[in-house]
Amino acid sequence: MNIFGNLFGGMNINDAYAQAKENGAVLLDVRSKEEFKGGHLPKAINVPVEKLDGSKIKQVPDLNKKIYVYCLSGARARNAVTALKHAGYTDVTSVGGINAYHGPIQR
């Protein structure tokens, strides 16, 4: 975990990607469809934050599944975490923005 993850008590996007590869967690990109098409974390799913309306995500039917949420800088991801928790998801973490990611990008 980097210093910012430790300072703010959260996990950063690079750590989340590594852990998701190991533990099968969902990587949820909440940017727009256009942003997602421009490049995203490998195996991430895309549900734009404005589509999170308090109901379950069809790609993630298990409310107890670990979900790492990211966007461009982290602001939309934080809002998405709140919406997902209202929908009943129990293990949701904002991991910031793809602008801090240092790994492979899928297009």
Protein backbone atom coordinates (compact mmCIF):
# COMPACT_ATOMS: atom_id res chain seq x y z
CA MET A 1 0.00 0.00 0.00
CA ASN A 2 1.33 3.45 -0.78
CA ILE A 3 1.54 6.37 1.65
CA PHE A 4 -1.78 7.86 0.45
CA GLY A 5 -3.61 4.59 1.06
CA ASN A 6 -2.19 4.51 4.57
CA LEU A 7 -2.95 8.18 5.29
CA PHE A 8 -6.57 7.96 4.23
CA GLY A 9 -7.20 4.48 5.58
CA GLY A 10 -7.98 3.03 2.17
CA MET A 11 -6.48 0.95 -0.55
CA ASN A 12 -4.96 2.36 -3.73
CA ILE A 13 -5.87 1.22 -7.23
CA ASN A 14 -2.58 -0.62 -7.82
CA ASP A 15 -2.98 -2.71 -4.65
CA ALA A 16 -6.63 -3.34 -5.48
CA TYR A 17 -5.78 -4.63 -8.97
CA ALA A 18 -3.17 -7.02 -7.53
CA GLN A 19 -5.54 -8.25 -4.84
CA ALA A 20 -8.46 -8.66 -7.26
CA LYS A 21 -6.28 -10.95 -9.39
CA GLU A 22 -5.67 -13.08 -6.28
CA ASN A 23 -9.06 -13.01 -4.55
CA GLY A 24 -11.47 -12.74 -7.48
CA ALA A 25 -12.90 -9.39 -6.42
CA VAL A 26 -14.81 -7.29 -8.91
CA LEU A 27 -13.09 -4.25 -10.39
CA LEU A 28 -15.87 -1.74 -11.04
CA ASP A 29 -15.14 1.24 -13.29
CA VAL A 30 -17.80 3.92 -12.75
CA ARG A 31 -16.65 6.28 -15.49
CA SER A 32 -18.69 6.90 -18.64
CA LYS A 33 -18.86 4.26 -21.37
CA GLU A 34 -16.65 6.48 -23.56
CA GLU A 35 -13.99 6.81 -20.87
CA PHE A 36 -14.09 3.05 -20.27
CA LYS A 37 -13.60 2.33 -23.99
CA GLY A 38 -10.57 4.64 -23.95
CA GLY A 39 -8.79 2.35 -21.50
CA HIS A 40 -9.56 0.45 -18.29
CA LEU A 41 -8.13 -2.09 -15.89
CA PRO A 42 -8.10 -5.60 -17.36
CA LYS A 43 -11.25 -7.58 -16.45
CA ALA A 44 -13.00 -4.48 -15.06
CA ILE A 45 -16.72 -4.06 -15.59
CA ASN A 46 -18.26 -0.71 -16.40
CA VAL A 47 -21.34 0.74 -14.76
CA PRO A 48 -21.35 4.55 -14.97
CA VAL A 49 -21.99 6.13 -11.58
CA GLU A 50 -25.16 7.81 -12.83
CA LYS A 51 -26.62 4.34 -13.55
CA LEU A 52 -26.23 3.29 -9.89
CA ASP A 53 -29.74 3.95 -8.68
CA GLY A 54 -29.89 1.95 -5.46
CA SER A 55 -30.60 -1.38 -7.15
CA LYS A 56 -28.33 -4.39 -7.64
CA ILE A 57 -25.89 -4.48 -10.54
CA LYS A 58 -26.83 -7.32 -12.89
CA GLN A 59 -23.13 -8.23 -13.42
CA VAL A 60 -22.68 -8.56 -9.62
CA PRO A 61 -25.71 -10.37 -8.19
CA ASP A 62 -23.91 -11.42 -4.97
CA LEU A 63 -24.35 -8.61 -2.43
CA ASN A 64 -21.41 -9.96 -0.40
CA LYS A 65 -18.91 -10.01 -3.29
CA LYS A 66 -15.80 -7.87 -2.75
CA ILE A 67 -15.96 -4.85 -5.08
CA TYR A 68 -13.15 -2.37 -5.75
CA VAL A 69 -14.56 0.82 -7.29
CA TYR A 70 -12.55 3.30 -9.34
CA CYS A 71 -13.05 6.23 -11.71
CA LEU A 72 -10.63 8.82 -13.11
CA SER A 73 -9.56 10.59 -9.92
CA GLY A 74 -11.62 9.03 -7.10
CA ALA A 75 -14.58 11.41 -6.64
CA ARG A 76 -17.13 9.37 -8.61
CA ALA A 77 -15.83 6.18 -6.99
CA ARG A 78 -16.62 7.54 -3.52
CA ASN A 79 -20.15 8.46 -4.64
CA ALA A 80 -20.57 5.01 -6.19
CA VAL A 81 -19.57 3.29 -2.94
CA THR A 82 -22.38 5.12 -1.15
CA ALA A 83 -24.89 4.11 -3.84
CA LEU A 84 -23.74 0.49 -3.77
CA LYS A 85 -24.03 0.30 0.01
CA HIS A 86 -27.58 1.69 -0.26
CA ALA A 87 -28.28 -1.11 -2.75
CA GLY A 88 -27.19 -3.64 -0.13
CA TYR A 89 -23.62 -4.46 -1.14
CA THR A 90 -21.58 -5.20 1.97
CA ASP A 91 -17.92 -5.23 0.86
CA VAL A 92 -17.32 -2.18 -1.32
CA THR A 93 -14.13 -0.10 -1.36
CA SER A 94 -13.22 3.04 -3.28
CA VAL A 95 -9.67 2.65 -4.60
CA GLY A 96 -9.29 6.04 -6.25
CA GLY A 97 -8.63 6.82 -9.86
CA ILE A 98 -7.14 5.17 -12.89
CA ASN A 99 -4.89 8.22 -13.24
CA ALA A 100 -2.77 6.69 -10.41
CA TYR A 101 -2.66 3.21 -11.95
CA HIS A 102 0.70 1.83 -13.11
CA GLY A 103 -0.24 -1.49 -14.70
CA PRO A 104 -1.58 -2.78 -18.00
CA ILE A 105 -4.52 -1.03 -19.63
CA GLN A 106 -7.15 -2.82 -21.69
CA ARG A 107 -8.86 -1.09 -24.62
